[in-house]
PDB file of N, CA and C in Angstrom:
ATOM      1  N   UNK A   1      54.709 299.572 128.666  1.00  0.00           N
ATOM      2  CA  UNK A   1      54.434 298.668 127.391  1.00  0.00           C
ATOM      3  C   UNK A   1      53.601 297.378 127.502  1.00  0.00           C
ATOM      4  N   UNK A   2      52.493 297.251 127.014  1.00  0.00           N
ATOM      5  CA  UNK A   2      51.772 296.223 127.342  1.00  0.00           C
ATOM      6  C   UNK A   2      51.377 295.152 126.142  1.00  0.00           C
ATOM      7  N   UNK A   3      51.111 294.269 125.913  1.00  0.00           N
ATOM      8  CA  UNK A   3      50.831 293.274 125.227  1.00  0.00           C
ATOM      9  C   UNK A   3      49.848 293.843 123.967  1.00  0.00           C
ATOM     10  N   UNK A   4      48.811 294.681 124.904  1.00  0.00           N
ATOM     11  CA  UNK A   4      48.035 295.267 124.156  1.00  0.00           C
ATOM     12  C   UNK A   4      48.665 296.669 123.181  1.00  0.00           C
ATOM     13  N   UNK A   5      49.391 297.189 123.629  1.00  0.00           N
ATOM     14  CA  UNK A   5      49.801 298.459 123.029  1.00  0.00           C
ATOM     15  C   UNK A   5      50.679 297.880 122.078  1.00  0.00           C
ATOM     16  N   UNK A   6      51.352 296.302 122.088  1.00  0.00           N
ATOM     17  CA  UNK A   6      52.060 295.921 120.772  1.00  0.00           C
ATOM     18  C   UNK A   6      51.343 295.442 119.999  1.00  0.00           C
ATOM     19  N   UNK A   7      50.432 294.991 120.256  1.00  0.00           N
ATOM     20  CA  UNK A   7      49.161 294.485 119.244  1.00  0.00           C
ATOM     21  C   UNK A   7      48.493 295.728 118.583  1.00  0.00           C
ATOM     22  N   UNK A   8      48.432 296.865 119.143  1.00  0.00           N
ATOM     23  CA  UNK A   8      47.529 298.245 118.080  1.00  0.00           C
ATOM     24  C   UNK A   8      48.659 298.802 117.403  1.00  0.00           C
ATOM     25  N   UNK A   9      50.205 298.582 117.761  1.00  0.00           N
ATOM     26  CA  UNK A   9      51.351 299.146 116.978  1.00  0.00           C
ATOM     27  C   UNK A   9      51.522 297.982 115.731  1.00  0.00           C
ATOM     28  N   UNK A  10      51.826 296.967 116.045  1.00  0.00           N
ATOM     29  CA  UNK A  10      52.259 295.882 115.244  1.00  0.00           C
ATOM     30  C   UNK A  10      51.462 294.879 114.498  1.00  0.00           C
ATOM     31  N   UNK A  11      50.026 295.220 114.922  1.00  0.00           N
ATOM     32  CA  UNK A  11      49.069 294.015 114.228  1.00  0.00           C
ATOM     33  C   UNK A  11      48.796 294.179 112.776  1.00  0.00           C
ATOM     34  N   UNK A  12      48.805 295.106 112.165  1.00  0.00           N
ATOM     35  CA  UNK A  12      49.016 295.267 110.482  1.00  0.00           C
ATOM     36  C   UNK A  12      50.386 294.625 109.807  1.00  0.00           C
ATOM     37  N   UNK A  13      51.427 294.238 110.578  1.00  0.00           N
ATOM     38  CA  UNK A  13      52.675 293.417 110.030  1.00  0.00           C
ATOM     39  C   UNK A  13      52.955 292.403 110.655  1.00  0.00           C
ATOM     40  N   UNK A  14      52.228 291.996 111.881  1.00  0.00           N
ATOM     41  CA  UNK A  14      52.675 290.881 113.078  1.00  0.00           C
ATOM     42  C   UNK A  14      51.366 290.268 113.224  1.00  0.00           C
ATOM     43  N   UNK A  15      51.189 289.004 112.953  1.00  0.00           N
ATOM     44  CA  UNK A  15      50.397 288.178 113.318  1.00  0.00           C
ATOM     45  C   UNK A  15      50.404 287.559 114.629  1.00  0.00           C
ATOM     46  N   UNK A  16      49.372 287.977 115.781  1.00  0.00           N
ATOM     47  CA  UNK A  16      49.272 287.897 117.063  1.00  0.00           C
ATOM     48  C   UNK A  16      48.357 286.802 117.731  1.00  0.00           C
ATOM     49  N   UNK A  17      49.318 285.752 118.316  1.00  0.00           N
ATOM     50  CA  UNK A  17      48.096 284.576 118.841  1.00  0.00           C
ATOM     51  C   UNK A  17      48.201 284.594 120.351  1.00  0.00           C
ATOM     52  N   UNK A  18      47.078 284.342 121.116  1.00  0.00           N
ATOM     53  CA  UNK A  18      47.329 284.376 122.477  1.00  0.00           C
ATOM     54  C   UNK A  18      46.817 282.060 122.458  1.00  0.00           C
ATOM     55  N   UNK A  19      47.980 281.603 123.195  1.00  0.00           N
ATOM     56  CA  UNK A  19      47.521 280.119 123.134  1.00  0.00           C
ATOM     57  C   UNK A  19      47.123 280.018 124.669  1.00  0.00           C
ATOM     58  N   UNK A  20      45.857 279.590 124.889  1.00  0.00           N
ATOM     59  CA  UNK A  20      46.035 279.406 126.250  1.00  0.00           C
ATOM     60  C   UNK A  20      46.034 278.278 126.877  1.00  0.00           C
ATOM     61  N   UNK A  21      46.685 277.809 127.795  1.00  0.00           N
ATOM     62  CA  UNK A  21      47.495 276.707 128.100  1.00  0.00           C
ATOM     63  C   UNK A  21      46.940 276.338 129.306  1.00  0.00           C
ATOM     64  N   UNK A  22      47.346 275.615 130.245  1.00  0.00           N
ATOM     65  CA  UNK A  22      46.958 274.974 131.857  1.00  0.00           C
ATOM     66  C   UNK A  22      46.576 276.298 132.757  1.00  0.00           C
ATOM     67  N   UNK A  23      45.904 276.249 133.346  1.00  0.00           N
ATOM     68  CA  UNK A  23      45.429 277.476 134.434  1.00  0.00           C
ATOM     69  C   UNK A  23      46.658 277.780 135.242  1.00  0.00           C
ATOM     70  N   UNK A  24      47.165 278.961 135.465  1.00  0.00           N
ATOM     71  CA  UNK A  24      48.302 279.262 136.184  1.00  0.00           C
ATOM     72  C   UNK A  24      48.069 279.083 137.717  1.00  0.00           C
ATOM     73  N   UNK A  25      47.038 279.424 138.233  1.00  0.00           N
ATOM     74  CA  UNK A  25      46.360 279.455 139.831  1.00  0.00           C
ATOM     75  C   UNK A  25      45.479 278.743 140.196  1.00  0.00           C
ATOM     76  N   UNK A  26      44.883 277.559 139.646  1.00  0.00           N
ATOM     77  CA  UNK A  26      43.179 277.158 139.922  1.00  0.00           C
ATOM     78  C   UNK A  26      43.155 277.039 141.393  1.00  0.00           C
ATOM     79  N   UNK A  27      42.275 277.020 141.747  1.00  0.00           N
ATOM     80  CA  UNK A  27      41.535 276.806 143.238  1.00  0.00           C
ATOM     81  C   UNK A  27      42.043 275.431 144.202  1.00  0.00           C
ATOM     82  N   UNK A  28      42.117 274.725 143.029  1.00  0.00           N
ATOM     83  CA  UNK A  28      42.601 273.116 143.420  1.00  0.00           C
ATOM     84  C   UNK A  28      43.864 272.865 142.913  1.00  0.00           C
ATOM     85  N   UNK A  29      44.617 274.045 142.468  1.00  0.00           N
ATOM     86  CA  UNK A  29      46.197 273.913 142.690  1.00  0.00           C
ATOM     87  C   UNK A  29      46.925 274.774 143.343  1.00  0.00           C
ATOM     88  N   UNK A  30      47.672 275.513 142.630  1.00  0.00           N
ATOM     89  CA  UNK A  30      48.782 276.537 143.220  1.00  0.00           C
ATOM     90  C   UNK A  30      48.248 278.015 142.973  1.00  0.00           C
ATOM     91  N   UNK A  31      47.334 278.411 144.248  1.00  0.00           N
ATOM     92  CA  UNK A  31      46.495 279.426 143.765  1.00  0.00           C
ATOM     93  C   UNK A  31      46.667 280.580 144.862  1.00  0.00           C
ATOM     94  N   UNK A  32      47.958 280.293 145.757  1.00  0.00           N
ATOM     95  CA  UNK A  32      48.167 281.391 146.693  1.00  0.00           C
ATOM     96  C   UNK A  32      47.248 281.684 147.783  1.00  0.00           C
ATOM     97  N   UNK A  33      45.879 280.947 147.980  1.00  0.00           N
ATOM     98  CA  UNK A  33      45.255 281.166 149.210  1.00  0.00           C
ATOM     99  C   UNK A  33      44.486 282.453 148.405  1.00  0.00           C
ATOM    100  N   UNK A  34      44.014 282.714 146.930  1.00  0.00           N
ATOM    101  CA  UNK A  34      43.209 283.695 146.622  1.00  0.00           C
ATOM    102  C   UNK A  34      42.083 282.675 146.341  1.00  0.00           C
ATOM    103  N   UNK A  35      40.653 283.630 146.580  1.00  0.00           N
ATOM    104  CA  UNK A  35      39.520 282.636 146.202  1.00  0.00           C
ATOM    105  C   UNK A  35      38.823 283.549 145.218  1.00  0.00           C
ATOM    106  N   UNK A  36      39.289 282.906 143.713  1.00  0.00           N
ATOM    107  CA  UNK A  36      38.995 283.567 142.634  1.00  0.00           C
ATOM    108  C   UNK A  36      38.247 282.464 142.006  1.00  0.00           C
ATOM    109  N   UNK A  37      37.466 281.675 142.069  1.00  0.00           N
ATOM    110  CA  UNK A  37      36.516 280.648 141.722  1.00  0.00           C
ATOM    111  C   UNK A  37      37.223 279.925 140.830  1.00  0.00           C
ATOM    112  N   UNK A  38      38.719 280.000 140.498  1.00  0.00           N
ATOM    113  CA  UNK A  38      38.820 279.070 138.749  1.00  0.00           C
ATOM    114  C   UNK A  38      39.363 278.270 139.099  1.00  0.00           C
ATOM    115  N   UNK A  39      39.135 276.806 138.899  1.00  0.00           N
ATOM    116  CA  UNK A  39      39.195 275.493 138.722  1.00  0.00           C
ATOM    117  C   UNK A  39      39.743 275.153 137.686  1.00  0.00           C
ATOM    118  N   UNK A  40      40.798 274.106 137.700  1.00  0.00           N
ATOM    119  CA  UNK A  40      41.827 273.659 136.663  1.00  0.00           C
ATOM    120  C   UNK A  40      40.539 272.761 135.854  1.00  0.00           C
ATOM    121  N   UNK A  41      40.672 272.943 134.736  1.00  0.00           N
ATOM    122  CA  UNK A  41      39.552 272.247 133.668  1.00  0.00           C
ATOM    123  C   UNK A  41      40.267 270.814 133.802  1.00  0.00           C
ATOM    124  N   UNK A  42      38.994 270.222 133.475  1.00  0.00           N
ATOM    125  CA  UNK A  42      39.001 268.769 133.329  1.00  0.00           C
ATOM    126  C   UNK A  42      38.681 268.245 131.733  1.00  0.00           C
ATOM    127  N   UNK A  43      38.083 269.203 131.253  1.00  0.00           N
ATOM    128  CA  UNK A  43      37.844 268.819 130.084  1.00  0.00           C
ATOM    129  C   UNK A  43      38.319 270.047 129.010  1.00  0.00           C
ATOM    130  N   UNK A  44      38.027 269.610 127.889  1.00  0.00           N
ATOM    131  CA  UNK A  44      38.694 270.673 126.795  1.00  0.00           C
ATOM    132  C   UNK A  44      37.664 271.635 126.645  1.00  0.00           C
ATOM    133  N   UNK A  45      36.426 271.197 127.047  1.00  0.00           N
ATOM    134  CA  UNK A  45      35.678 272.248 127.035  1.00  0.00           C
ATOM    135  C   UNK A  45      35.655 273.324 128.008  1.00  0.00           C
ATOM    136  N   UNK A  46      35.658 272.627 129.138  1.00  0.00           N
ATOM    137  CA  UNK A  46      36.021 273.629 130.322  1.00  0.00           C
ATOM    138  C   UNK A  46      36.942 274.617 129.800  1.00  0.00           C
ATOM    139  N   UNK A  47      38.115 274.018 129.535  1.00  0.00           N
ATOM    140  CA  UNK A  47      39.223 274.867 129.298  1.00  0.00           C
ATOM    141  C   UNK A  47      38.939 275.819 128.351  1.00  0.00           C
ATOM    142  N   UNK A  48      38.412 275.361 126.961  1.00  0.00           N
ATOM    143  CA  UNK A  48      38.060 276.211 126.294  1.00  0.00           C
ATOM    144  C   UNK A  48      36.842 277.454 126.412  1.00  0.00           C
ATOM    145  N   UNK A  49      35.974 277.287 127.780  1.00  0.00           N
ATOM    146  CA  UNK A  49      35.075 278.355 128.321  1.00  0.00           C
ATOM    147  C   UNK A  49      36.109 279.528 128.855  1.00  0.00           C
ATOM    148  N   UNK A  50      36.924 278.647 129.865  1.00  0.00           N
ATOM    149  CA  UNK A  50      37.812 279.890 130.448  1.00  0.00           C
ATOM    150  C   UNK A  50      38.359 280.415 129.446  1.00  0.00           C
ATOM    151  N   UNK A  51      39.052 280.109 128.420  1.00  0.00           N
ATOM    152  CA  UNK A  51      40.038 280.687 127.198  1.00  0.00           C
ATOM    153  C   UNK A  51      38.977 281.874 127.051  1.00  0.00           C
ATOM    154  N   UNK A  52      37.759 281.718 126.464  1.00  0.00           N
ATOM    155  CA  UNK A  52      37.040 282.622 126.143  1.00  0.00           C
ATOM    156  C   UNK A  52      37.092 284.051 127.091  1.00  0.00           C
ATOM    157  N   UNK A  53      36.702 283.062 128.530  1.00  0.00           N
ATOM    158  CA  UNK A  53      36.474 284.521 129.277  1.00  0.00           C
ATOM    159  C   UNK A  53      37.642 285.441 129.485  1.00  0.00           C
ATOM    160  N   UNK A  54      38.590 284.352 129.547  1.00  0.00           N
ATOM    161  CA  UNK A  54      40.167 285.183 129.328  1.00  0.00           C
ATOM    162  C   UNK A  54      40.218 286.570 128.580  1.00  0.00           C
ATOM    163  N   UNK A  55      40.040 285.500 127.162  1.00  0.00           N
ATOM    164  CA  UNK A  55      39.948 286.905 125.949  1.00  0.00           C
ATOM    165  C   UNK A  55      39.122 287.596 125.924  1.00  0.00           C
ATOM    166  N   UNK A  56      38.278 287.835 126.802  1.00  0.00           N
ATOM    167  CA  UNK A  56      37.082 288.904 126.923  1.00  0.00           C
ATOM    168  C   UNK A  56      37.574 289.838 128.141  1.00  0.00           C
ATOM    169  N   UNK A  57      38.323 288.981 129.086  1.00  0.00           N
ATOM    170  CA  UNK A  57      38.852 290.050 130.237  1.00  0.00           C
ATOM    171  C   UNK A  57      39.847 290.929 129.943  1.00  0.00           C
ATOM    172  N   UNK A  58      40.858 290.508 128.954  1.00  0.00           N
ATOM    173  CA  UNK A  58      42.053 290.814 128.675  1.00  0.00           C
ATOM    174  C   UNK A  58      41.701 292.179 127.669  1.00  0.00           C
ATOM    175  N   UNK A  59      40.587 292.064 126.868  1.00  0.00           N
ATOM    176  CA  UNK A  59      40.498 293.593 126.411  1.00  0.00           C
ATOM    177  C   UNK A  59      41.485 293.770 124.954  1.00  0.00           C
ATOM    178  N   UNK A  60      42.522 292.673 124.828  1.00  0.00           N
ATOM    179  CA  UNK A  60      43.634 292.977 123.600  1.00  0.00           C
ATOM    180  C   UNK A  60      43.332 292.751 122.142  1.00  0.00           C
ATOM    181  N   UNK A  61      41.972 292.125 121.964  1.00  0.00           N
ATOM    182  CA  UNK A  61      41.615 291.928 120.385  1.00  0.00           C
ATOM    183  C   UNK A  61      42.520 290.991 120.304  1.00  0.00           C
ATOM    184  N   UNK A  62      43.368 290.162 120.724  1.00  0.00           N
ATOM    185  CA  UNK A  62      44.327 289.329 120.191  1.00  0.00           C
ATOM    186  C   UNK A  62      43.502 287.676 120.117  1.00  0.00           C
ATOM    187  N   UNK A  63      43.608 287.119 119.101  1.00  0.00           N
ATOM    188  CA  UNK A  63      42.850 285.864 118.848  1.00  0.00           C
ATOM    189  C   UNK A  63      43.519 284.936 119.775  1.00  0.00           C
ATOM    190  N   UNK A  64      42.645 284.044 120.594  1.00  0.00           N
ATOM    191  CA  UNK A  64      43.322 283.275 121.601  1.00  0.00           C
ATOM    192  C   UNK A  64      42.629 281.960 121.155  1.00  0.00           C
ATOM    193  N   UNK A  65      43.843 281.166 121.148  1.00  0.00           N
ATOM    194  CA  UNK A  65      43.369 279.299 120.593  1.00  0.00           C
ATOM    195  C   UNK A  65      43.547 278.647 121.999  1.00  0.00           C
ATOM    196  N   UNK A  66      43.400 277.207 121.961  1.00  0.00           N
ATOM    197  CA  UNK A  66      43.663 276.774 123.282  1.00  0.00           C
ATOM    198  C   UNK A  66      44.364 275.307 122.830  1.00  0.00           C
ATOM    199  N   UNK A  67      44.974 275.620 123.735  1.00  0.00           N
ATOM    200  CA  UNK A  67      46.152 274.395 123.894  1.00  0.00           C
ATOM    201  C   UNK A  67      45.320 273.120 124.210  1.00  0.00           C
ATOM    202  N   UNK A  68      45.569 271.835 123.708  1.00  0.00           N
ATOM    203  CA  UNK A  68      44.764 270.645 123.947  1.00  0.00           C
ATOM    204  C   UNK A  68      45.105 270.469 125.515  1.00  0.00           C
ATOM    205  N   UNK A  69      44.564 268.948 126.018  1.00  0.00           N
ATOM    206  CA  UNK A  69      44.429 268.671 127.516  1.00  0.00           C
ATOM    207  C   UNK A  69      45.833 267.733 127.770  1.00  0.00           C
ATOM    208  N   UNK A  70      46.417 267.673 126.714  1.00  0.00           N
ATOM    209  CA  UNK A  70      47.940 267.391 127.279  1.00  0.00           C
ATOM    210  C   UNK A  70      48.919 268.079 127.143  1.00  0.00           C
ATOM    211  N   UNK A  71      48.686 269.484 126.968  1.00  0.00           N
ATOM    212  CA  UNK A  71      49.699 270.430 127.209  1.00  0.00           C
ATOM    213  C   UNK A  71      50.738 270.471 126.123  1.00  0.00           C
ATOM    214  N   UNK A  72      50.497 269.962 124.798  1.00  0.00           N
ATOM    215  CA  UNK A  72      51.524 269.477 123.967  1.00  0.00           C
ATOM    216  C   UNK A  72      52.176 271.069 124.044  1.00  0.00           C
ATOM    217  N   UNK A  73      51.468 271.817 123.542  1.00  0.00           N
ATOM    218  CA  UNK A  73      52.291 273.501 123.030  1.00  0.00           C
ATOM    219  C   UNK A  73      53.070 274.014 124.262  1.00  0.00           C
ATOM    220  N   UNK A  74      51.989 273.889 125.710  1.00  0.00           N
ATOM    221  CA  UNK A  74      52.841 274.353 126.688  1.00  0.00           C
ATOM    222  C   UNK A  74      54.283 273.411 126.967  1.00  0.00           C
ATOM    223  N   UNK A  75      54.112 272.357 127.270  1.00  0.00           N
ATOM    224  CA  UNK A  75      55.456 271.509 126.979  1.00  0.00           C
ATOM    225  C   UNK A  75      56.648 272.164 126.151  1.00  0.00           C
ATOM    226  N   UNK A  76      56.066 272.098 124.862  1.00  0.00           N
ATOM    227  CA  UNK A  76      56.886 272.283 123.829  1.00  0.00           C
ATOM    228  C   UNK A  76      57.715 273.550 123.946  1.00  0.00           C
ATOM    229  N   UNK A  77      56.971 274.521 124.316  1.00  0.00           N
ATOM    230  CA  UNK A  77      57.310 276.161 124.445  1.00  0.00           C
ATOM    231  C   UNK A  77      57.883 276.254 125.661  1.00  0.00           C
ATOM    232  N   UNK A  78      57.829 275.332 126.977  1.00  0.00           N
ATOM    233  CA  UNK A  78      58.077 275.607 128.190  1.00  0.00           C
ATOM    234  C   UNK A  78      57.389 276.790 128.641  1.00  0.00           C
ATOM    235  N   UNK A  79      55.853 276.914 128.167  1.00  0.00           N
ATOM    236  CA  UNK A  79      55.268 278.128 128.277  1.00  0.00           C
ATOM    237  C   UNK A  79      54.808 278.521 129.824  1.00  0.00           C
ATOM    238  N   UNK A  80      54.381 277.488 130.963  1.00  0.00           N
ATOM    239  CA  UNK A  80      53.852 277.617 131.925  1.00  0.00           C
ATOM    240  C   UNK A  80      54.505 278.466 132.877  1.00  0.00           C
ATOM    241  N   UNK A  81      53.800 279.434 133.838  1.00  0.00           N
ATOM    242  CA  UNK A  81      52.697 279.945 133.783  1.00  0.00           C
ATOM    243  C   UNK A  81      52.282 280.867 132.544  1.00  0.00           C
ATOM    244  N   UNK A  82      53.436 281.770 131.613  1.00  0.00           N
ATOM    245  CA  UNK A  82      52.992 282.441 130.829  1.00  0.00           C
ATOM    246  C   UNK A  82      54.208 282.597 130.113  1.00  0.00           C
ATOM    247  N   UNK A  83      54.392 283.023 128.986  1.00  0.00           N
ATOM    248  CA  UNK A  83      55.622 283.277 128.003  1.00  0.00           C
ATOM    249  C   UNK A  83      55.235 283.930 126.744  1.00  0.00           C
ATOM    250  N   UNK A  84      56.169 284.592 126.430  1.00  0.00           N
ATOM    251  CA  UNK A  84      56.360 285.605 125.162  1.00  0.00           C
ATOM    252  C   UNK A  84      57.298 284.908 124.127  1.00  0.00           C
ATOM    253  N   UNK A  85      56.695 284.628 122.844  1.00  0.00           N
ATOM    254  CA  UNK A  85      57.359 284.141 121.770  1.00  0.00           C
ATOM    255  C   UNK A  85      57.145 284.898 120.574  1.00  0.00           C
ATOM    256  N   UNK A  86      58.057 285.070 119.654  1.00  0.00           N
ATOM    257  CA  UNK A  86      58.411 285.894 118.148  1.00  0.00           C
ATOM    258  C   UNK A  86      58.785 284.559 117.554  1.00  0.00           C
ATOM    259  N   UNK A  87      57.739 284.109 116.490  1.00  0.00           N
ATOM    260  CA  UNK A  87      58.325 283.186 115.814  1.00  0.00           C
ATOM    261  C   UNK A  87      58.582 283.684 114.259  1.00  0.00           C
ATOM    262  N   UNK A  88      59.370 283.636 113.286  1.00  0.00           N
ATOM    263  CA  UNK A  88      59.617 283.923 112.042  1.00  0.00           C
ATOM    264  C   UNK A  88      58.803 283.476 111.258  1.00  0.00           C
ATOM    265  N   UNK A  89      58.916 284.074 110.015  1.00  0.00           N
ATOM    266  CA  UNK A  89      58.149 283.574 108.674  1.00  0.00           C
ATOM    267  C   UNK A  89      58.770 282.130 108.722  1.00  0.00           C
ATOM    268  N   UNK A  90      59.966 281.875 108.568  1.00  0.00           N
ATOM    269  CA  UNK A  90      60.382 280.408 108.374  1.00  0.00           C
ATOM    270  C   UNK A  90      60.082 279.624 109.614  1.00  0.00           C
ATOM    271  N   UNK A  91      59.724 279.663 110.883  1.00  0.00           N
ATOM    272  CA  UNK A  91      58.949 278.550 111.723  1.00  0.00           C
ATOM    273  C   UNK A  91      59.925 278.691 112.766  1.00  0.00           C
ATOM    274  N   UNK A  92      61.124 279.633 112.749  1.00  0.00           N
ATOM    275  CA  UNK A  92      62.327 279.660 113.416  1.00  0.00           C
ATOM    276  C   UNK A  92      61.725 280.561 114.833  1.00  0.00           C
ATOM    277  N   UNK A  93      62.162 280.150 116.130  1.00  0.00           N
ATOM    278  CA  UNK A  93      62.219 281.072 117.062  1.00  0.00           C
ATOM    279  C   UNK A  93      62.740 281.943 117.327  1.00  0.00           C
ATOM    280  N   UNK A  94      62.367 283.151 116.925  1.00  0.00           N
ATOM    281  CA  UNK A  94      63.175 284.749 116.941  1.00  0.00           C
ATOM    282  C   UNK A  94      63.389 285.203 118.350  1.00  0.00           C
ATOM    283  N   UNK A  95      62.370 285.578 119.192  1.00  0.00           N
ATOM    284  CA  UNK A  95      62.561 285.510 120.284  1.00  0.00           C
ATOM    285  C   UNK A  95      61.857 284.783 121.619  1.00  0.00           C
ATOM    286  N   UNK A  96      62.207 284.169 122.717  1.00  0.00           N
ATOM    287  CA  UNK A  96      61.939 283.500 123.859  1.00  0.00           C
ATOM    288  C   UNK A  96      61.840 284.153 124.878  1.00  0.00           C
ATOM    289  N   UNK A  97      60.833 285.012 125.411  1.00  0.00           N
ATOM    290  CA  UNK A  97      60.941 285.568 126.746  1.00  0.00           C
ATOM    291  C   UNK A  97      61.059 284.600 128.048  1.00  0.00           C
ATOM    292  N   UNK A  98      61.344 285.351 128.918  1.00  0.00           N
ATOM    293  CA  UNK A  98      61.494 284.192 130.054  1.00  0.00           C
ATOM    294  C   UNK A  98      60.106 283.864 130.735  1.00  0.00           C
ATOM    295  N   UNK A  99      60.439 282.887 131.730  1.00  0.00           N
ATOM    296  CA  UNK A  99      59.131 282.656 131.959  1.00  0.00           C
ATOM    297  C   UNK A  99      58.475 284.032 132.957  1.00  0.00           C
ATOM    298  N   UNK A 100      56.930 283.568 133.067  1.00  0.00           N
ATOM    299  CA  UNK A 100      56.183 284.479 133.304  1.00  0.00           C
ATOM    300  C   UNK A 100      55.783 284.579 135.055  1.00  0.00           C
ATOM    301  N   UNK A 101      55.406 285.540 135.967  1.00  0.00           N
ATOM    302  CA  UNK A 101      55.518 286.711 135.666  1.00  0.00           C
ATOM    303  C   UNK A 101      56.587 287.780 135.265  1.00  0.00           C
ATOM    304  N   UNK A 102      57.600 287.160 136.180  1.00  0.00           N
ATOM    305  CA  UNK A 102      58.945 288.166 135.765  1.00  0.00           C
ATOM    306  C   UNK A 102      59.587 288.079 134.518  1.00  0.00           C
ATOM    307  N   UNK A 103      58.899 286.975 133.715  1.00  0.00           N
ATOM    308  CA  UNK A 103      60.093 287.228 132.105  1.00  0.00           C
ATOM    309  C   UNK A 103      58.925 287.935 131.497  1.00  0.00           C
ATOM    310  N   UNK A 104      57.869 287.944 131.564  1.00  0.00           N
ATOM    311  CA  UNK A 104      57.043 288.582 130.842  1.00  0.00           C
ATOM    312  C   UNK A 104      57.076 290.034 130.172  1.00  0.00           C
ATOM    313  N   UNK A 105      58.072 290.346 129.535  1.00  0.00           N
ATOM    314  CA  UNK A 105      58.379 291.625 128.954  1.00  0.00           C
ATOM    315  C   UNK A 105      58.292 291.811 127.746  1.00  0.00           C
ATOM    316  N   UNK A 106      56.791 292.792 127.039  1.00  0.00           N
ATOM    317  CA  UNK A 106      56.680 293.237 126.109  1.00  0.00           C
ATOM    318  C   UNK A 106      57.312 294.166 125.612  1.00  0.00           C
ATOM    319  N   UNK A 107      58.093 294.860 126.470  1.00  0.00           N
ATOM    320  CA  UNK A 107      59.521 295.675 125.561  1.00  0.00           C
ATOM    321  C   UNK A 107      60.375 294.988 125.283  1.00  0.00           C
ATOM    322  N   UNK A 108      60.684 293.981 125.785  1.00  0.00           N
ATOM    323  CA  UNK A 108      61.723 293.080 124.934  1.00  0.00           C
ATOM    324  C   UNK A 108      61.194 292.487 123.653  1.00  0.00           C
ATOM    325  N   UNK A 109      60.146 292.344 123.423  1.00  0.00           N
ATOM    326  CA  UNK A 109      59.466 291.567 122.788  1.00  0.00           C
ATOM    327  C   UNK A 109      59.240 292.530 121.436  1.00  0.00           C
ATOM    328  N   UNK A 110      59.122 293.728 121.662  1.00  0.00           N
ATOM    329  CA  UNK A 110      58.950 295.172 120.689  1.00  0.00           C
ATOM    330  C   UNK A 110      60.277 295.237 120.082  1.00  0.00           C
ATOM    331  N   UNK A 111      61.335 294.830 121.123  1.00  0.00           N
ATOM    332  CA  UNK A 111      62.780 295.087 120.523  1.00  0.00           C
ATOM    333  C   UNK A 111      62.754 294.298 119.511  1.00  0.00           C
ATOM    334  N   UNK A 112      62.624 292.992 119.468  1.00  0.00           N
ATOM    335  CA  UNK A 112      62.956 291.840 118.686  1.00  0.00           C
ATOM    336  C   UNK A 112      62.013 291.842 117.327  1.00  0.00           C
ATOM    337  N   UNK A 113      60.956 292.601 117.459  1.00  0.00           N
ATOM    338  CA  UNK A 113      59.887 292.731 116.364  1.00  0.00           C
ATOM    339  C   UNK A 113      60.456 294.061 115.715  1.00  0.00           C
ATOM    340  N   UNK A 114      61.078 294.664 116.215  1.00  0.00           N
ATOM    341  CA  UNK A 114      61.603 295.891 115.274  1.00  0.00           C
ATOM    342  C   UNK A 114      62.592 295.260 114.676  1.00  0.00           C
ATOM    343  N   UNK A 115      63.656 294.770 115.063  1.00  0.00           N
ATOM    344  CA  UNK A 115      64.629 293.842 114.962  1.00  0.00           C
ATOM    345  C   UNK A 115      64.371 293.144 113.645  1.00  0.00           C
ATOM    346  N   UNK A 116      63.275 292.175 113.984  1.00  0.00           N
ATOM    347  CA  UNK A 116      63.006 291.203 112.995  1.00  0.00           C
ATOM    348  C   UNK A 116      62.539 292.076 111.626  1.00  0.00           C
ATOM    349  N   UNK A 117      61.569 293.007 111.967  1.00  0.00           N
ATOM    350  CA  UNK A 117      60.719 293.723 110.777  1.00  0.00           C
ATOM    351  C   UNK A 117      62.033 294.690 109.879  1.00  0.00           C
ATOM    352  N   UNK A 118      62.978 294.903 110.449  1.00  0.00           N
ATOM    353  CA  UNK A 118      64.090 295.842 109.362  1.00  0.00           C
ATOM    354  C   UNK A 118      64.923 294.884 109.249  1.00  0.00           C
ATOM    355  N   UNK A 119      65.101 293.463 109.478  1.00  0.00           N
ATOM    356  CA  UNK A 119      65.671 292.624 108.222  1.00  0.00           C
ATOM    357  C   UNK A 119      66.925 292.136 109.124  1.00  0.00           C
TER     358      UNK A 119
END
C-alpha cells in the first residue's frame, strides 16, 4: 500500500495534502554520501522549486504545499524527515504515524481513515 494507492481509493472523501518541509538528505547536510545534487534550500523560492520537482517526481496527484523557512509546520508536527497524519474535521489529530522512513506506514493510515469514515 502506497500513498498513491490511498489517494486513489479515498480522494473523493478525504482531502490529501503533502507539506514539503526541510530537505531530509541534502548534499550539504545528512546525505549518507549520495550524490543526488540536492542542496538544502536557503530561500523560500528554492524550497518551492524543490517541492514542485518532488510533486512531479512522486506522481501521486496530491497537492503539495511548502512549509516556511522557519519550519513551523515541521516543528509543530514533529514531521522530519517524513510523517503521516490524519486530521479530523474538527481539526484534531486522529492518527499520527511514526517518524519515517520506518514509521511511514500508509497501511496504518488506511485503517485510521476507515475507522474515521465509519464514524
